[in-house]
Amino acid sequence: MTLAAAAVVGVTLGLFGGGGSILTVPVLVYLAGVPAKQAVAMSLFIVAVTSAVSAIGHARAGRIRWRTGLVFGVAGMAGAYGGGLLGPYLPEALLMAAFAAMMLATAVAMIRDRRIPAVPPQRRELPVPHVIAEGLVVGLVTGLVGAGGGFLVVPALVLLGGLRMGVAVGTSLVVIAMKSLAGLAGYLHSVPVDWSLALPMTAAGVAGGLIGGALASHLDADRLRKAFGWFVLAMGVFVLVQQAPPALLHSPWSAVPAGIAAAAAAIALRRRRRQIT
């Protein structure tokens, strides 16, 4: 089951250029029984290798803008390394709660209608300071919780870098690989990695990434992305409930995660109705 889930993560990375990596930590924690901090470190390795291999197909198709990706990626590496150094010293409950919040944000971003222009803004020069600032923030999040942050990278590459959506997806894989490796370097100072589990999961993720990349031009990625977003939303609520103190589960506050999920669903449905009308 763990290897099958890793393959699904790889498929989503190949299809969407991000989003799927948010499931790697829950798979490791709840299916493989790995402690949270080790799960984050292993997730960073799995996501880095899977993203790098998935980027090969996009590179061959000319869907990677190397200069933009490298500027964003280097800034992301700095932030991710700092997050990787800080993460091991945070309480595991806090780390998983922050990860659950990241899952909910990712799910909402995947479900709602994208506000990314179909035609990206034309730019003569890359706004390097803005790209560096965005890269640092996204990298810090990646280093802390072990998620690639593709749902943040792709819009940034479109709006700041002026890339078309297909090129932004391919370029985001390069960025995700770079900052995930930097986050892993930060974690390895104090957190060991079980390579006997990490390597088979990485192989499964790579296989899934190649499949996702091959299917990217043949499937309705937007519809799949929204369906996958609902699944991530449910998983985010599950992780949040798991981190709640037992006493809280028997109090009125136990309804908060369900309320968050219901609110996200209501927003998504309302926007969809507006689009139809």
Protein backbone atom coordinates (compact mmCIF):
# COMPACT_ATOMS: atom_id res chain seq x y z
CA MET A 1 0.00 0.00 0.00
CA THR A 2 2.85 2.39 0.81
CA LEU A 3 4.55 1.81 -2.53
CA ALA A 4 1.25 2.15 -4.40
CA ALA A 5 0.60 5.46 -2.64
CA ALA A 6 4.11 6.65 -3.56
CA ALA A 7 3.35 5.85 -7.21
CA VAL A 8 0.16 7.95 -7.00
CA VAL A 9 2.21 10.84 -5.62
CA GLY A 10 4.54 10.51 -8.60
CA VAL A 11 1.64 10.47 -11.08
CA THR A 12 0.21 13.69 -9.65
CA LEU A 13 3.62 15.38 -9.81
CA GLY A 14 3.95 14.42 -13.45
CA LEU A 15 0.42 15.59 -14.25
CA PHE A 16 0.13 18.81 -12.27
CA GLY A 17 3.72 19.88 -11.53
CA GLY A 18 2.89 19.89 -7.81
CA GLY A 19 0.18 19.11 -5.30
CA GLY A 20 0.79 15.38 -5.01
CA SER A 21 3.85 15.71 -2.82
CA ILE A 22 1.59 16.92 -0.02
CA LEU A 23 0.53 13.28 0.46
CA THR A 24 4.03 11.88 0.97
CA VAL A 25 4.29 12.69 4.68
CA PRO A 26 0.83 11.25 5.59
CA VAL A 27 1.68 8.10 3.62
CA LEU A 28 4.90 7.68 5.57
CA VAL A 29 3.35 8.48 8.96
CA TYR A 30 0.04 6.60 8.75
CA LEU A 31 0.82 3.76 6.34
CA ALA A 32 4.52 3.10 7.00
CA GLY A 33 4.55 4.12 10.69
CA VAL A 34 7.51 6.50 10.31
CA PRO A 35 7.94 9.23 13.00
CA ALA A 36 6.88 12.68 11.79
CA LYS A 37 10.33 14.29 11.59
CA GLN A 38 11.86 11.33 9.76
CA ALA A 39 8.82 11.32 7.47
CA VAL A 40 9.44 14.95 6.53
CA ALA A 41 13.11 14.24 5.78
CA MET A 42 12.26 11.16 3.70
CA SER A 43 9.53 13.08 1.91
CA LEU A 44 12.01 15.73 0.84
CA PHE A 45 14.27 13.08 -0.73
CA ILE A 46 11.42 11.25 -2.46
CA VAL A 47 9.91 14.46 -3.84
CA ALA A 48 13.31 15.78 -4.98
CA VAL A 49 14.21 12.69 -7.00
CA THR A 50 10.69 12.18 -8.39
CA SER A 51 10.45 15.83 -9.46
CA ALA A 52 13.89 15.75 -11.11
CA VAL A 53 13.07 12.64 -13.13
CA SER A 54 9.59 13.95 -14.04
CA ALA A 55 11.23 17.15 -15.33
CA ILE A 56 13.19 15.21 -17.96
CA GLY A 57 10.15 14.70 -20.18
CA HIS A 58 9.19 18.36 -19.88
CA ALA A 59 12.76 19.37 -20.76
CA ARG A 60 12.73 17.24 -23.89
CA ALA A 61 9.45 18.87 -24.90
CA GLY A 62 10.91 22.34 -24.35
CA ARG A 63 8.61 23.11 -21.41
CA ILE A 64 11.29 24.37 -18.99
CA ARG A 65 12.57 27.95 -18.75
CA TRP A 66 15.95 27.31 -17.17
CA ARG A 67 16.97 30.85 -16.21
CA THR A 68 13.70 31.57 -14.40
CA GLY A 69 13.70 28.14 -12.75
CA LEU A 70 17.28 28.41 -11.53
CA VAL A 71 16.77 31.89 -10.04
CA PHE A 72 13.61 30.75 -8.26
CA GLY A 73 15.22 27.44 -7.30
CA VAL A 74 18.37 28.93 -5.76
CA ALA A 75 16.27 31.29 -3.62
CA GLY A 76 14.06 28.36 -2.68
CA MET A 77 17.10 26.31 -1.68
CA ALA A 78 18.19 29.00 0.77
CA GLY A 79 14.75 29.10 2.39
CA ALA A 80 14.40 25.31 2.38
CA TYR A 81 17.80 24.75 4.00
CA GLY A 82 16.83 27.14 6.80
CA GLY A 83 13.49 25.35 7.20
CA GLY A 84 15.29 22.00 7.26
CA LEU A 85 17.55 23.21 10.06
CA LEU A 86 14.61 24.57 12.09
CA GLY A 87 12.09 21.75 11.54
CA PRO A 88 13.81 19.06 13.67
CA TYR A 89 13.61 21.30 16.74
CA LEU A 90 9.85 21.86 16.52
CA PRO A 91 7.42 19.59 18.44
CA GLU A 92 6.08 16.81 16.21
CA ALA A 93 2.47 17.76 16.98
CA LEU A 94 3.13 21.34 15.87
CA LEU A 95 4.94 20.11 12.75
CA MET A 96 2.03 17.85 11.77
CA ALA A 97 -0.54 20.56 12.54
CA ALA A 98 1.36 22.96 10.27
CA PHE A 99 1.48 20.23 7.64
CA ALA A 100 -2.29 19.73 7.92
CA ALA A 101 -2.78 23.47 7.40
CA MET A 102 -0.57 23.22 4.30
CA MET A 103 -2.71 20.34 3.05
CA LEU A 104 -5.90 22.36 3.46
CA ALA A 105 -4.36 25.32 1.64
CA THR A 106 -3.17 23.03 -1.17
CA ALA A 107 -6.61 21.42 -1.45
CA VAL A 108 -8.42 24.75 -1.69
CA ALA A 109 -5.93 25.95 -4.31
CA MET A 110 -6.52 22.80 -6.38
CA ILE A 111 -10.33 22.87 -6.05
CA ARG A 112 -11.08 26.52 -6.70
CA ASP A 113 -10.98 28.05 -10.14
CA ARG A 114 -7.49 29.27 -10.95
CA ARG A 115 -7.06 33.00 -11.14
CA ILE A 116 -4.06 32.64 -13.41
CA PRO A 117 -4.35 34.50 -16.72
CA ALA A 118 -4.53 32.34 -19.82
CA VAL A 119 -2.03 34.67 -21.48
CA PRO A 120 0.83 35.45 -19.05
CA PRO A 121 2.05 39.04 -18.71
CA GLN A 122 4.76 39.92 -21.20
CA ARG A 123 8.00 40.77 -19.43
CA ARG A 124 11.20 42.00 -21.02
CA GLU A 125 13.20 41.30 -17.86
CA LEU A 126 12.68 38.87 -15.01
CA PRO A 127 11.70 40.69 -11.76
CA VAL A 128 14.54 39.04 -9.86
CA PRO A 129 13.89 40.61 -6.40
CA HIS A 130 10.25 39.45 -6.45
CA VAL A 131 11.21 35.99 -7.64
CA ILE A 132 13.86 35.69 -4.91
CA ALA A 133 11.43 36.82 -2.19
CA GLU A 134 8.77 34.35 -3.35
CA GLY A 135 11.37 31.59 -3.60
CA LEU A 136 12.61 32.16 -0.06
CA VAL A 137 9.11 31.97 1.42
CA VAL A 138 8.06 28.89 -0.54
CA GLY A 139 11.41 27.25 0.20
CA LEU A 140 11.03 27.86 3.93
CA VAL A 141 7.63 26.13 3.88
CA THR A 142 9.10 23.22 1.92
CA GLY A 143 11.96 22.77 4.36
CA LEU A 144 9.67 22.85 7.39
CA VAL A 145 6.90 20.47 6.34
CA GLY A 146 8.43 18.44 3.49
CA ALA A 147 5.95 19.48 0.78
CA GLY A 148 7.06 20.65 -2.64
CA GLY A 149 4.74 23.66 -2.69
CA GLY A 150 4.01 23.33 -6.40
CA PHE A 151 0.60 24.98 -5.96
CA LEU A 152 2.51 28.13 -4.96
CA VAL A 153 5.36 27.79 -7.44
CA VAL A 154 3.28 27.38 -10.62
CA PRO A 155 1.21 30.59 -10.20
CA ALA A 156 4.36 32.52 -9.23
CA LEU A 157 6.14 31.37 -12.38
CA VAL A 158 3.17 32.44 -14.52
CA LEU A 159 2.62 35.83 -12.89
CA LEU A 160 6.20 36.79 -12.03
CA GLY A 161 8.09 34.94 -14.73
CA GLY A 162 5.56 35.44 -17.54
CA LEU A 163 5.54 31.72 -18.37
CA ARG A 164 2.77 29.84 -20.12
CA MET A 165 1.01 27.27 -17.92
CA GLY A 166 2.63 24.22 -19.55
CA VAL A 167 6.09 25.77 -19.25
CA ALA A 168 5.38 26.81 -15.64
CA VAL A 169 4.46 23.21 -14.73
CA GLY A 170 7.69 21.86 -16.21
CA THR A 171 9.82 24.61 -14.65
CA SER A 172 8.17 24.08 -11.26
CA LEU A 173 9.49 20.52 -11.18
CA VAL A 174 13.06 21.83 -11.41
CA VAL A 175 12.36 24.32 -8.61
CA ILE A 176 10.76 21.65 -6.41
CA ALA A 177 13.70 19.28 -6.90
CA MET A 178 16.24 21.96 -5.99
CA LYS A 179 14.58 23.20 -2.83
CA SER A 180 13.60 19.71 -1.65
CA LEU A 181 17.25 18.63 -1.77
CA ALA A 182 18.26 21.73 0.19
CA GLY A 183 15.59 21.04 2.82
CA LEU A 184 16.82 17.46 3.10
CA ALA A 185 20.38 18.73 3.67
CA GLY A 186 19.09 20.80 6.59
CA TYR A 187 17.23 17.85 8.14
CA LEU A 188 20.15 15.43 7.78
CA HIS A 189 22.10 17.41 10.39
CA SER A 190 19.91 15.93 13.12
CA VAL A 191 17.36 13.49 11.62
CA PRO A 192 18.30 10.01 10.27
CA VAL A 193 16.68 8.61 7.13
CA ASP A 194 15.61 4.96 6.72
CA TRP A 195 17.05 4.41 3.24
CA SER A 196 15.67 0.84 3.08
CA LEU A 197 12.20 2.43 2.88
CA ALA A 198 13.07 5.71 1.19
CA LEU A 199 14.70 4.14 -1.88
CA PRO A 200 11.82 1.75 -2.82
CA MET A 201 9.31 4.56 -2.31
CA THR A 202 11.42 6.83 -4.49
CA ALA A 203 11.51 4.19 -7.23
CA ALA A 204 7.71 3.89 -7.07
CA GLY A 205 7.36 7.66 -7.17
CA VAL A 206 9.68 7.94 -10.17
CA ALA A 207 7.67 5.29 -12.05
CA GLY A 208 4.47 7.18 -11.25
CA GLY A 209 6.04 10.47 -12.33
CA LEU A 210 6.95 9.04 -15.73
CA ILE A 211 3.40 7.77 -16.17
CA GLY A 212 1.95 11.14 -15.14
CA GLY A 213 4.23 13.00 -17.52
CA ALA A 214 3.18 10.71 -20.39
CA LEU A 215 -0.52 11.22 -19.57
CA ALA A 216 -0.28 15.00 -19.13
CA SER A 217 -1.13 15.79 -22.75
CA HIS A 218 -3.92 13.20 -23.03
CA LEU A 219 -6.09 13.87 -19.95
CA ASP A 220 -8.20 16.75 -18.67
CA ALA A 221 -5.71 17.82 -16.00
CA ASP A 222 -8.00 20.56 -14.59
CA ARG A 223 -10.82 18.13 -13.84
CA LEU A 224 -8.42 15.61 -12.33
CA ARG A 225 -6.78 18.35 -10.28
CA LYS A 226 -10.11 19.36 -8.71
CA ALA A 227 -11.03 15.75 -7.92
CA PHE A 228 -7.62 15.18 -6.36
CA GLY A 229 -8.04 18.43 -4.42
CA TRP A 230 -11.13 17.05 -2.68
CA PHE A 231 -9.15 13.98 -1.67
CA VAL A 232 -6.33 16.14 -0.28
CA LEU A 233 -8.92 18.18 1.63
CA ALA A 234 -10.30 15.05 3.30
CA MET A 235 -6.77 13.89 4.16
CA GLY A 236 -5.92 17.32 5.59
CA VAL A 237 -8.93 17.18 7.90
CA PHE A 238 -7.95 13.65 8.94
CA VAL A 239 -4.39 14.72 9.81
CA LEU A 240 -5.68 17.75 11.72
CA VAL A 241 -8.05 15.58 13.77
CA GLN A 242 -5.24 13.12 14.51
CA GLN A 243 -3.16 15.92 16.04
CA ALA A 244 -5.96 17.20 18.27
CA PRO A 245 -5.67 16.40 22.00
CA PRO A 246 -8.05 13.58 23.06
CA ALA A 247 -9.96 15.94 25.39
CA LEU A 248 -10.59 18.30 22.50
CA LEU A 249 -12.24 15.56 20.44
CA HIS A 250 -15.02 15.36 23.05
CA SER A 251 -15.60 19.12 23.11
CA PRO A 252 -17.53 21.44 20.78
CA TRP A 253 -14.17 22.41 19.21
CA SER A 254 -14.00 19.00 17.54
CA ALA A 255 -16.31 20.36 14.85
CA VAL A 256 -13.71 22.92 13.70
CA PRO A 257 -11.96 20.69 11.11
CA ALA A 258 -15.31 19.67 9.64
CA GLY A 259 -16.31 23.33 9.55
CA ILE A 260 -13.15 24.21 7.65
CA ALA A 261 -13.82 21.48 5.13
CA ALA A 262 -17.46 22.53 4.73
CA ALA A 263 -16.44 26.15 4.21
CA ALA A 264 -13.91 25.19 1.55
CA ALA A 265 -16.53 23.05 -0.18
CA ALA A 266 -19.08 25.84 -0.09
CA ILE A 267 -16.62 28.33 -1.60
CA ALA A 268 -15.66 25.95 -4.38
CA LEU A 269 -19.28 25.11 -5.24
CA ARG A 270 -20.33 28.75 -5.18
CA ARG A 271 -17.57 29.74 -7.60
CA ARG A 272 -18.47 26.86 -9.88
CA ARG A 273 -22.12 27.94 -9.99
CA ARG A 274 -21.08 31.49 -10.83
CA GLN A 275 -18.94 30.17 -13.65
CA ILE A 276 -21.84 28.11 -15.05
CA THR A 277 -24.29 31.01 -14.90
